Amino acid sequence: MALKSTIYKIDLNIADMDRQYYGQHNLTVAKHPSETDERVMVRLIAFTLYANESLVFGKGLSDDEEPDLWQKDLTGAIQLWIDVGLPTEKDIRKACGKSAQVVVVLYGGRVAEMWWAANSKGLLKLNNLTVINLPETQTLAKLAERGLNISCTVQDSEILVSHDSGSFTITPVVLKK
């Protein structure tokens, strides 16, 4: 018998001063059986950084042909492709060919830094690629609950994450824009 995804219901308030985007999102996020709480929450932060009314969660780990998040225009053309984790350079190049803009959101501390050191030379040549590293996401992982109310305020490239029992700041590091 195959394991089923765990469903997270997340009420997310976003105040992004850098992009002048303000919104409330009632999200249903499926956690793949092999996915960690940390990865689920990093996907949520990726959503926060690029949120708009047409950004949706893809099948992610369940389907190699879909990103973790994406945005399509009315014709079905992919405008934004967001992968979370450490994808292969081949997969990133493929995504860059399919989408107007590709974003890779790294996490995992030293492992993410080693991945960037090994892949940066080839990836720096891709004009429609942005790579962001989220250092220290362990605090974020501790927030993961099946029912979650969370607010994210983005200002001066920092994210203030507020939840029922407190708040903390995440500072994304842009490795390639």
Protein backbone atom coordinates (compact mmCIF):
# COMPACT_ATOMS: atom_id res chain seq x y z
CA MET A 1 0.00 0.00 0.00
CA ALA A 2 1.42 3.37 -1.02
CA LEU A 3 1.79 6.11 1.57
CA LYS A 4 -0.45 9.13 1.08
CA SER A 5 0.48 12.78 1.21
CA THR A 6 -0.18 14.76 4.38
CA ILE A 7 -2.36 17.81 3.81
CA TYR A 8 -1.46 21.14 5.40
CA LYS A 9 -4.00 23.96 5.60
CA ILE A 10 -2.11 27.23 5.85
CA ASP A 11 -3.49 30.74 6.30
CA LEU A 12 -0.70 32.99 5.02
CA ASN A 13 -0.70 36.77 5.24
CA ILE A 14 1.94 38.47 3.09
CA ALA A 15 3.08 42.07 3.30
CA ASP A 16 5.88 42.46 0.78
CA MET A 17 7.10 46.04 0.98
CA ASP A 18 9.85 45.38 -1.59
CA ARG A 19 7.33 44.42 -4.32
CA GLN A 20 4.31 46.35 -3.00
CA TYR A 21 2.35 43.10 -2.76
CA TYR A 22 -0.14 42.51 0.04
CA GLY A 23 -2.35 39.46 0.22
CA GLN A 24 -4.06 36.79 2.26
CA HIS A 25 -3.79 33.25 0.96
CA ASN A 26 -5.64 30.18 2.21
CA LEU A 27 -3.34 27.45 0.98
CA THR A 28 -3.68 23.69 0.82
CA VAL A 29 -0.20 22.17 0.63
CA ALA A 30 0.41 18.45 0.13
CA LYS A 31 3.45 17.03 1.88
CA HIS A 32 4.88 14.10 -0.09
CA PRO A 33 5.63 11.06 2.14
CA SER A 34 9.38 11.47 1.52
CA GLU A 35 9.33 15.23 2.11
CA THR A 36 10.55 16.85 5.34
CA ASP A 37 8.74 19.55 7.31
CA GLU A 38 11.67 21.82 6.50
CA ARG A 39 11.11 21.43 2.75
CA VAL A 40 7.37 22.11 3.09
CA MET A 41 8.12 25.34 4.94
CA VAL A 42 10.81 26.37 2.43
CA ARG A 43 8.18 25.93 -0.31
CA LEU A 44 5.96 28.28 1.71
CA ILE A 45 8.74 30.89 1.90
CA ALA A 46 9.32 30.52 -1.87
CA PHE A 47 5.60 31.17 -2.34
CA THR A 48 5.90 34.26 -0.12
CA LEU A 49 8.80 35.69 -2.14
CA TYR A 50 6.96 35.39 -5.48
CA ALA A 51 3.30 35.44 -4.43
CA ASN A 52 0.60 36.62 -6.78
CA GLU A 53 -2.89 35.49 -7.71
CA SER A 54 -1.71 33.02 -10.37
CA LEU A 55 1.19 31.33 -8.53
CA VAL A 56 0.27 27.75 -7.62
CA PHE A 57 1.93 24.73 -6.05
CA GLY A 58 2.95 22.05 -8.54
CA LYS A 59 3.21 18.33 -7.93
CA GLY A 60 6.84 18.79 -6.88
CA LEU A 61 8.38 15.51 -5.69
CA SER A 62 5.46 13.52 -7.13
CA ASP A 63 6.26 14.53 -10.72
CA ASP A 64 9.70 15.23 -12.22
CA GLU A 65 8.12 17.28 -15.00
CA GLU A 66 6.55 19.86 -12.68
CA PRO A 67 8.19 22.38 -10.38
CA ASP A 68 7.39 22.98 -6.74
CA LEU A 69 5.62 26.23 -7.70
CA TRP A 70 4.72 27.75 -11.01
CA GLN A 71 2.85 30.52 -12.71
CA LYS A 72 1.33 30.27 -16.17
CA ASP A 73 -0.21 32.97 -18.33
CA LEU A 74 -3.66 32.69 -19.91
CA THR A 75 -2.27 30.81 -22.91
CA GLY A 76 -0.70 28.16 -20.67
CA ALA A 77 2.86 29.36 -21.23
CA ILE A 78 5.01 29.03 -18.11
CA GLN A 79 6.04 32.45 -16.82
CA LEU A 80 7.70 31.37 -13.57
CA TRP A 81 9.14 28.00 -12.53
CA ILE A 82 10.31 27.60 -8.91
CA ASP A 83 12.26 24.58 -7.67
CA VAL A 84 13.12 24.04 -4.01
CA GLY A 85 16.16 22.05 -2.94
CA LEU A 86 19.16 20.92 -4.96
CA PRO A 87 18.05 20.13 -8.52
CA THR A 88 20.52 18.88 -11.10
CA GLU A 89 22.06 21.31 -13.56
CA LYS A 90 20.38 19.35 -16.35
CA ASP A 91 16.94 19.83 -14.77
CA ILE A 92 17.58 23.55 -14.31
CA ARG A 93 18.64 23.97 -17.94
CA LYS A 94 15.50 22.10 -19.03
CA ALA A 95 13.33 24.38 -16.86
CA CYS A 96 15.06 27.47 -18.30
CA GLY A 97 14.05 26.27 -21.76
CA LYS A 98 10.40 25.87 -20.71
CA SER A 99 9.87 29.03 -18.65
CA ALA A 100 10.42 32.76 -18.98
CA GLN A 101 11.94 32.85 -15.47
CA VAL A 102 13.34 30.07 -13.27
CA VAL A 103 14.05 30.37 -9.55
CA VAL A 104 15.92 27.80 -7.48
CA VAL A 105 15.53 28.14 -3.72
CA LEU A 106 18.33 26.32 -1.91
CA TYR A 107 18.33 25.32 1.74
CA GLY A 108 20.31 22.94 3.90
CA GLY A 109 23.22 25.04 5.12
CA ARG A 110 26.62 23.65 4.17
CA VAL A 111 25.15 21.17 1.67
CA ALA A 112 23.52 24.03 -0.28
CA GLU A 113 26.81 25.95 -0.28
CA MET A 114 28.66 22.91 -1.63
CA TRP A 115 25.96 22.42 -4.30
CA TRP A 116 26.37 26.04 -5.42
CA ALA A 117 30.18 25.75 -5.51
CA ALA A 118 29.88 22.64 -7.71
CA ASN A 119 27.19 24.02 -10.08
CA SER A 120 27.64 27.79 -10.19
CA LYS A 121 30.01 27.92 -13.18
CA GLY A 122 27.47 26.39 -15.55
CA LEU A 123 24.44 28.09 -14.01
CA LEU A 124 25.86 31.63 -14.14
CA LYS A 125 25.49 31.49 -17.94
CA LEU A 126 21.68 31.10 -17.78
CA ASN A 127 20.06 34.53 -18.23
CA ASN A 128 16.59 33.63 -16.95
CA LEU A 129 17.76 31.95 -13.72
CA THR A 130 17.70 33.26 -10.15
CA VAL A 131 19.28 31.26 -7.33
CA ILE A 132 18.44 32.05 -3.70
CA ASN A 133 19.88 30.36 -0.62
CA LEU A 134 17.86 30.27 2.59
CA PRO A 135 20.37 29.74 5.37
CA GLU A 136 19.24 28.41 8.72
CA THR A 137 15.76 27.03 8.02
CA GLN A 138 15.61 24.76 11.08
CA THR A 139 13.51 27.32 13.02
CA LEU A 140 11.15 27.46 10.07
CA ALA A 141 10.80 23.66 10.07
CA LYS A 142 9.66 23.70 13.71
CA LEU A 143 6.58 25.71 12.68
CA ALA A 144 5.18 23.01 10.41
CA GLU A 145 1.69 22.02 11.51
CA ARG A 146 -1.27 20.67 9.59
CA GLY A 147 -3.21 23.81 10.50
CA LEU A 148 -1.05 26.93 10.49
CA ASN A 149 -1.60 30.68 10.70
CA ILE A 150 1.47 32.61 9.64
CA SER A 151 2.35 36.13 8.53
CA CYS A 152 5.38 37.07 6.45
CA THR A 153 6.59 40.64 6.09
CA VAL A 154 9.24 41.20 3.43
CA GLN A 155 11.23 44.41 3.71
CA ASP A 156 14.74 45.28 2.54
CA SER A 157 15.19 41.66 1.38
CA GLU A 158 14.51 40.24 4.85
CA ILE A 159 11.51 38.12 5.81
CA LEU A 160 9.93 38.56 9.22
CA VAL A 161 8.00 35.36 9.95
CA SER A 162 5.32 35.82 12.63
CA HIS A 163 3.28 32.98 14.08
CA ASP A 164 1.15 32.24 17.14
CA SER A 165 4.10 31.76 19.50
CA GLY A 166 6.55 34.41 18.28
CA SER A 167 8.55 35.62 15.31
CA PHE A 168 11.97 35.37 13.68
CA THR A 169 13.79 36.74 10.65
CA ILE A 170 15.08 34.93 7.57
CA THR A 171 17.58 36.67 5.32
CA PRO A 172 17.65 35.08 1.84
CA VAL A 173 21.02 35.24 0.10
CA VAL A 174 20.72 35.90 -3.64
CA LEU A 175 23.50 33.94 -5.34
CA LYS A 176 22.43 34.75 -8.90
CA LYS A 177 19.85 37.20 -10.21
